[in-house]
PDB file of N, CA and C in Angstrom:
ATOM      1  N   MET A   1     -11.102   6.242  -0.955  1.00  0.00           N
ATOM      2  CA  MET A   1     -10.410   5.923  -1.788  1.00  0.00           C
ATOM      3  C   MET A   1      -9.292   5.048  -1.116  1.00  0.00           C
ATOM      4  N   ILE A   2      -8.670   3.772  -1.504  1.00  0.00           N
ATOM      5  CA  ILE A   2      -7.385   2.949  -1.096  1.00  0.00           C
ATOM      6  C   ILE A   2      -6.238   3.443  -1.637  1.00  0.00           C
ATOM      7  N   LYS A   3      -5.527   4.298  -1.152  1.00  0.00           N
ATOM      8  CA  LYS A   3      -3.931   4.196  -2.217  1.00  0.00           C
ATOM      9  C   LYS A   3      -3.059   3.082  -1.656  1.00  0.00           C
ATOM     10  N   VAL A   4      -2.469   2.726  -2.817  1.00  0.00           N
ATOM     11  CA  VAL A   4      -1.560   2.101  -2.653  1.00  0.00           C
ATOM     12  C   VAL A   4      -0.359   2.599  -3.243  1.00  0.00           C
ATOM     13  N   TYR A   5       0.423   2.693  -2.214  1.00  0.00           N
ATOM     14  CA  TYR A   5       1.926   3.534  -2.569  1.00  0.00           C
ATOM     15  C   TYR A   5       3.339   2.337  -2.543  1.00  0.00           C
ATOM     16  N   GLY A   6       3.426   1.953  -4.070  1.00  0.00           N
ATOM     17  CA  GLY A   6       4.952   0.869  -3.979  1.00  0.00           C
ATOM     18  C   GLY A   6       5.727   1.069  -4.452  1.00  0.00           C
ATOM     19  N   LYS A   7       6.703   0.485  -4.863  1.00  0.00           N
ATOM     20  CA  LYS A   7       7.741   0.508  -6.307  1.00  0.00           C
ATOM     21  C   LYS A   7       7.773  -0.475  -7.154  1.00  0.00           C
ATOM     22  N   GLU A   8       8.635  -0.360  -8.338  1.00  0.00           N
ATOM     23  CA  GLU A   8       9.039  -0.978  -9.500  1.00  0.00           C
ATOM     24  C   GLU A   8       9.426  -2.602  -8.475  1.00  0.00           C
ATOM     25  N   ASN A   9       9.616  -3.696  -9.520  1.00  0.00           N
ATOM     26  CA  ASN A   9       9.747  -5.185  -8.606  1.00  0.00           C
ATOM     27  C   ASN A   9       9.476  -5.178  -7.435  1.00  0.00           C
ATOM     28  N   CYS A  10       8.236  -5.069  -7.015  1.00  0.00           N
ATOM     29  CA  CYS A  10       7.686  -5.039  -5.387  1.00  0.00           C
ATOM     30  C   CYS A  10       7.417  -6.451  -5.446  1.00  0.00           C
ATOM     31  N   SER A  11       7.338  -7.613  -4.662  1.00  0.00           N
ATOM     32  CA  SER A  11       6.392  -8.643  -5.415  1.00  0.00           C
ATOM     33  C   SER A  11       5.441  -8.726  -4.252  1.00  0.00           C
ATOM     34  N   LYS A  12       5.723  -7.722  -2.905  1.00  0.00           N
ATOM     35  CA  LYS A  12       4.192  -7.840  -1.711  1.00  0.00           C
ATOM     36  C   LYS A  12       3.412  -6.785  -3.013  1.00  0.00           C
ATOM     37  N   CYS A  13       4.031  -5.922  -3.694  1.00  0.00           N
ATOM     38  CA  CYS A  13       3.064  -4.266  -4.166  1.00  0.00           C
ATOM     39  C   CYS A  13       2.002  -5.904  -4.875  1.00  0.00           C
ATOM     40  N   THR A  14       2.883  -6.593  -6.228  1.00  0.00           N
ATOM     41  CA  THR A  14       1.933  -7.650  -7.024  1.00  0.00           C
ATOM     42  C   THR A  14       0.845  -8.246  -6.175  1.00  0.00           C
ATOM     43  N   SER A  15       1.759  -8.893  -5.015  1.00  0.00           N
ATOM     44  CA  SER A  15       0.649  -9.600  -4.425  1.00  0.00           C
ATOM     45  C   SER A  15      -0.532  -8.851  -4.040  1.00  0.00           C
ATOM     46  N   LEU A  16      -0.452  -7.718  -3.185  1.00  0.00           N
ATOM     47  CA  LEU A  16      -1.292  -6.467  -2.743  1.00  0.00           C
ATOM     48  C   LEU A  16      -2.713  -6.401  -4.032  1.00  0.00           C
ATOM     49  N   LYS A  17      -1.927  -5.870  -5.462  1.00  0.00           N
ATOM     50  CA  LYS A  17      -2.616  -5.155  -6.550  1.00  0.00           C
ATOM     51  C   LYS A  17      -3.912  -6.450  -6.432  1.00  0.00           C
ATOM     52  N   GLY A  18      -3.412  -7.885  -6.764  1.00  0.00           N
ATOM     53  CA  GLY A  18      -3.687  -8.739  -6.991  1.00  0.00           C
ATOM     54  C   GLY A  18      -4.344  -9.495  -6.000  1.00  0.00           C
ATOM     55  N   ILE A  19      -4.632  -9.355  -4.813  1.00  0.00           N
ATOM     56  CA  ILE A  19      -5.938 -10.046  -3.676  1.00  0.00           C
ATOM     57  C   ILE A  19      -6.687  -8.418  -3.287  1.00  0.00           C
ATOM     58  N   LEU A  20      -6.538  -7.359  -3.843  1.00  0.00           N
ATOM     59  CA  LEU A  20      -7.508  -6.210  -4.150  1.00  0.00           C
ATOM     60  C   LEU A  20      -8.200  -6.573  -5.652  1.00  0.00           C
ATOM     61  N   THR A  21      -7.835  -6.290  -6.376  1.00  0.00           N
ATOM     62  CA  THR A  21      -8.596  -6.760  -7.714  1.00  0.00           C
ATOM     63  C   THR A  21      -9.350  -7.813  -7.698  1.00  0.00           C
ATOM     64  N   ASP A  22      -8.918  -8.975  -6.527  1.00  0.00           N
ATOM     65  CA  ASP A  22      -9.541 -10.157  -6.737  1.00  0.00           C
ATOM     66  C   ASP A  22     -10.847  -9.989  -6.069  1.00  0.00           C
ATOM     67  N   ARG A  23     -10.910  -9.202  -4.701  1.00  0.00           N
ATOM     68  CA  ARG A  23     -11.760  -8.988  -3.955  1.00  0.00           C
ATOM     69  C   ARG A  23     -13.025  -7.925  -5.201  1.00  0.00           C
ATOM     70  N   ASN A  24     -12.574  -7.620  -5.805  1.00  0.00           N
ATOM     71  CA  ASN A  24     -13.509  -5.995  -6.258  1.00  0.00           C
ATOM     72  C   ASN A  24     -13.134  -4.345  -5.470  1.00  0.00           C
ATOM     73  N   ILE A  25     -12.133  -4.055  -4.886  1.00  0.00           N
ATOM     74  CA  ILE A  25     -11.927  -3.595  -3.393  1.00  0.00           C
ATOM     75  C   ILE A  25     -11.166  -2.334  -5.162  1.00  0.00           C
ATOM     76  N   GLU A  26     -11.744  -1.199  -5.133  1.00  0.00           N
ATOM     77  CA  GLU A  26     -11.217  -0.381  -5.833  1.00  0.00           C
ATOM     78  C   GLU A  26     -10.237   0.118  -5.329  1.00  0.00           C
ATOM     79  N   PHE A  27      -9.004   1.013  -6.280  1.00  0.00           N
ATOM     80  CA  PHE A  27      -7.636   1.158  -4.723  1.00  0.00           C
ATOM     81  C   PHE A  27      -7.100   1.831  -6.393  1.00  0.00           C
ATOM     82  N   GLU A  28      -6.384   2.827  -5.916  1.00  0.00           N
ATOM     83  CA  GLU A  28      -5.223   3.646  -6.773  1.00  0.00           C
ATOM     84  C   GLU A  28      -3.657   3.569  -6.520  1.00  0.00           C
ATOM     85  N   TYR A  29      -2.900   2.581  -7.382  1.00  0.00           N
ATOM     86  CA  TYR A  29      -1.420   2.109  -7.496  1.00  0.00           C
ATOM     87  C   TYR A  29      -0.680   3.448  -7.365  1.00  0.00           C
ATOM     88  N   ILE A  30      -0.130   4.130  -6.638  1.00  0.00           N
ATOM     89  CA  ILE A  30       0.722   5.015  -7.069  1.00  0.00           C
ATOM     90  C   ILE A  30       2.508   4.229  -7.066  1.00  0.00           C
ATOM     91  N   GLU A  31       3.177   4.472  -8.015  1.00  0.00           N
ATOM     92  CA  GLU A  31       4.537   3.837  -7.864  1.00  0.00           C
ATOM     93  C   GLU A  31       5.275   5.229  -8.141  1.00  0.00           C
ATOM     94  N   ASP A  32       6.205   5.587  -6.991  1.00  0.00           N
ATOM     95  CA  ASP A  32       6.755   6.871  -6.669  1.00  0.00           C
ATOM     96  C   ASP A  32       7.328   7.131  -5.886  1.00  0.00           C
ATOM     97  N   VAL A  33       8.120   6.181  -5.555  1.00  0.00           N
ATOM     98  CA  VAL A  33       9.314   5.407  -4.864  1.00  0.00           C
ATOM     99  C   VAL A  33       9.686   7.240  -3.561  1.00  0.00           C
ATOM    100  N   LYS A  34       9.520   8.245  -4.525  1.00  0.00           N
ATOM    101  CA  LYS A  34      10.296   9.160  -3.397  1.00  0.00           C
ATOM    102  C   LYS A  34       9.009   9.416  -2.615  1.00  0.00           C
ATOM    103  N   THR A  35       7.601   9.305  -3.294  1.00  0.00           N
ATOM    104  CA  THR A  35       6.720   9.741  -1.805  1.00  0.00           C
ATOM    105  C   THR A  35       6.313   8.605  -0.521  1.00  0.00           C
ATOM    106  N   LEU A  36       6.200   7.324  -1.740  1.00  0.00           N
ATOM    107  CA  LEU A  36       6.474   6.359  -0.711  1.00  0.00           C
ATOM    108  C   LEU A  36       7.411   6.204   0.448  1.00  0.00           C
ATOM    109  N   MET A  37       8.700   6.845   0.390  1.00  0.00           N
ATOM    110  CA  MET A  37       9.738   7.525   1.595  1.00  0.00           C
ATOM    111  C   MET A  37       9.023   7.777   2.579  1.00  0.00           C
ATOM    112  N   ILE A  38       8.603   8.791   1.840  1.00  0.00           N
ATOM    113  CA  ILE A  38       7.669  10.051   2.815  1.00  0.00           C
ATOM    114  C   ILE A  38       6.848   9.467   3.372  1.00  0.00           C
ATOM    115  N   ILE A  39       6.029   8.979   3.034  1.00  0.00           N
ATOM    116  CA  ILE A  39       4.523   8.677   3.597  1.00  0.00           C
ATOM    117  C   ILE A  39       4.732   7.288   4.634  1.00  0.00           C
ATOM    118  N   ALA A  40       5.975   6.500   4.289  1.00  0.00           N
ATOM    119  CA  ALA A  40       6.594   5.329   5.093  1.00  0.00           C
ATOM    120  C   ALA A  40       7.266   5.641   6.012  1.00  0.00           C
ATOM    121  N   SER A  41       7.691   6.826   6.299  1.00  0.00           N
ATOM    122  CA  SER A  41       8.762   7.495   7.255  1.00  0.00           C
ATOM    123  C   SER A  41       8.180   7.699   8.623  1.00  0.00           C
ATOM    124  N   LYS A  42       6.764   8.633   7.984  1.00  0.00           N
ATOM    125  CA  LYS A  42       6.329   9.014   8.797  1.00  0.00           C
ATOM    126  C   LYS A  42       5.234   8.253   9.854  1.00  0.00           C
ATOM    127  N   ALA A  43       5.113   7.126   9.117  1.00  0.00           N
ATOM    128  CA  ALA A  43       4.473   6.054   9.902  1.00  0.00           C
ATOM    129  C   ALA A  43       5.178   5.174  10.034  1.00  0.00           C
ATOM    130  N   ARG A  44       6.024   5.256  10.264  1.00  0.00           N
ATOM    131  CA  ARG A  44       7.279   4.667  10.765  1.00  0.00           C
ATOM    132  C   ARG A  44       7.220   2.750   9.938  1.00  0.00           C
ATOM    133  N   ILE A  45       6.991   2.711   8.914  1.00  0.00           N
ATOM    134  CA  ILE A  45       6.858   1.323   8.499  1.00  0.00           C
ATOM    135  C   ILE A  45       7.953   1.115   7.527  1.00  0.00           C
ATOM    136  N   MET A  46       8.643  -0.062   7.658  1.00  0.00           N
ATOM    137  CA  MET A  46       9.728  -0.100   6.967  1.00  0.00           C
ATOM    138  C   MET A  46      10.153  -0.552   5.713  1.00  0.00           C
ATOM    139  N   SER A  47       8.859  -1.513   5.189  1.00  0.00           N
ATOM    140  CA  SER A  47       8.800  -2.273   3.379  1.00  0.00           C
ATOM    141  C   SER A  47       7.422  -1.478   2.857  1.00  0.00           C
ATOM    142  N   ALA A  48       7.614  -1.689   1.698  1.00  0.00           N
ATOM    143  CA  ALA A  48       6.828  -1.389   1.047  1.00  0.00           C
ATOM    144  C   ALA A  48       5.656  -2.607   0.470  1.00  0.00           C
ATOM    145  N   PRO A  49       4.582  -3.219   0.084  1.00  0.00           N
ATOM    146  CA  PRO A  49       3.788  -1.857   0.124  1.00  0.00           C
ATOM    147  C   PRO A  49       3.166  -0.444   1.245  1.00  0.00           C
ATOM    148  N   VAL A  50       2.981   0.219   1.180  1.00  0.00           N
ATOM    149  CA  VAL A  50       2.324   0.870   2.321  1.00  0.00           C
ATOM    150  C   VAL A  50       0.914   1.812   1.621  1.00  0.00           C
ATOM    151  N   ILE A  51      -0.233   1.506   2.403  1.00  0.00           N
ATOM    152  CA  ILE A  51      -1.665   1.762   1.966  1.00  0.00           C
ATOM    153  C   ILE A  51      -1.994   2.939   3.351  1.00  0.00           C
ATOM    154  N   GLU A  52      -3.050   4.129   2.069  1.00  0.00           N
ATOM    155  CA  GLU A  52      -3.372   4.925   2.952  1.00  0.00           C
ATOM    156  C   GLU A  52      -5.294   4.746   3.096  1.00  0.00           C
ATOM    157  N   TYR A  53      -5.766   4.612   3.809  1.00  0.00           N
ATOM    158  CA  TYR A  53      -6.874   4.549   3.553  1.00  0.00           C
ATOM    159  C   TYR A  53      -7.716   4.960   5.311  1.00  0.00           C
ATOM    160  N   ASN A  54      -9.154   5.402   4.613  1.00  0.00           N
ATOM    161  CA  ASN A  54      -9.860   6.408   5.802  1.00  0.00           C
ATOM    162  C   ASN A  54      -8.696   6.919   6.762  1.00  0.00           C
ATOM    163  N   ASP A  55      -7.452   8.109   5.726  1.00  0.00           N
ATOM    164  CA  ASP A  55      -6.812   9.171   7.041  1.00  0.00           C
ATOM    165  C   ASP A  55      -6.106   8.137   7.608  1.00  0.00           C
ATOM    166  N   THR A  56      -5.488   7.345   7.750  1.00  0.00           N
ATOM    167  CA  THR A  56      -4.790   6.299   8.534  1.00  0.00           C
ATOM    168  C   THR A  56      -3.586   5.685   7.446  1.00  0.00           C
ATOM    169  N   VAL A  57      -2.937   4.941   7.957  1.00  0.00           N
ATOM    170  CA  VAL A  57      -1.466   4.600   7.183  1.00  0.00           C
ATOM    171  C   VAL A  57      -1.237   3.086   7.487  1.00  0.00           C
ATOM    172  N   TYR A  58      -1.026   2.277   6.652  1.00  0.00           N
ATOM    173  CA  TYR A  58      -1.276   1.063   7.187  1.00  0.00           C
ATOM    174  C   TYR A  58       0.163   0.477   6.307  1.00  0.00           C
ATOM    175  N   SER A  59       0.754  -1.050   7.233  1.00  0.00           N
ATOM    176  CA  SER A  59       2.106  -1.951   6.581  1.00  0.00           C
ATOM    177  C   SER A  59       0.646  -3.135   5.737  1.00  0.00           C
ATOM    178  N   MET A  60       1.197  -3.747   4.749  1.00  0.00           N
ATOM    179  CA  MET A  60       0.219  -4.588   3.965  1.00  0.00           C
ATOM    180  C   MET A  60      -0.250  -5.280   5.088  1.00  0.00           C
ATOM    181  N   GLU A  61       0.647  -5.747   6.326  1.00  0.00           N
ATOM    182  CA  GLU A  61       0.113  -7.214   6.929  1.00  0.00           C
ATOM    183  C   GLU A  61      -1.540  -5.502   7.821  1.00  0.00           C
ATOM    184  N   ALA A  62      -0.901  -5.501   8.184  1.00  0.00           N
ATOM    185  CA  ALA A  62      -1.830  -4.382   9.123  1.00  0.00           C
ATOM    186  C   ALA A  62      -3.399  -4.186   8.227  1.00  0.00           C
ATOM    187  N   PHE A  63      -3.173  -4.078   7.027  1.00  0.00           N
ATOM    188  CA  PHE A  63      -4.145  -3.433   6.303  1.00  0.00           C
ATOM    189  C   PHE A  63      -5.115  -4.976   5.722  1.00  0.00           C
ATOM    190  N   LEU A  64      -4.266  -5.715   5.231  1.00  0.00           N
ATOM    191  CA  LEU A  64      -4.976  -7.142   4.949  1.00  0.00           C
ATOM    192  C   LEU A  64      -6.057  -7.203   6.845  1.00  0.00           C
ATOM    193  N   LYS A  65      -5.428  -7.239   8.102  1.00  0.00           N
ATOM    194  CA  LYS A  65      -6.700  -7.225   8.895  1.00  0.00           C
ATOM    195  C   LYS A  65      -7.755  -6.476   8.967  1.00  0.00           C
ATOM    196  N   VAL A  66      -7.338  -5.305   8.566  1.00  0.00           N
ATOM    197  CA  VAL A  66      -8.802  -4.433   8.350  1.00  0.00           C
ATOM    198  C   VAL A  66      -9.431  -4.777   7.167  1.00  0.00           C
ATOM    199  N   ILE A  67      -9.319  -5.104   6.293  1.00  0.00           N
ATOM    200  CA  ILE A  67     -10.545  -5.489   4.747  1.00  0.00           C
ATOM    201  C   ILE A  67     -10.549  -6.780   5.179  1.00  0.00           C
TER     202      ILE A  67
END
C-alpha cells in the first residue's frame, strides 16, 4: 500500500492525490503534520508530500519516477 503523508493547504499534496486517483492507484492519505515531520526528517526530505512505498520513503518528484 502506498502511504502519502501530507498537510493542509498543500498544492503538491493535492496534485499527487489527483495523479494517483487518475491512474487508479490505491493509496492512503495521512494528514498529520507531526508524523509527516518525523518521516520527512528521517529521509531528509524537506517538503510535503512524503510517500512511503515498499519500505522506501520518497519525495514527490522521486516517487513520480518510480510509478
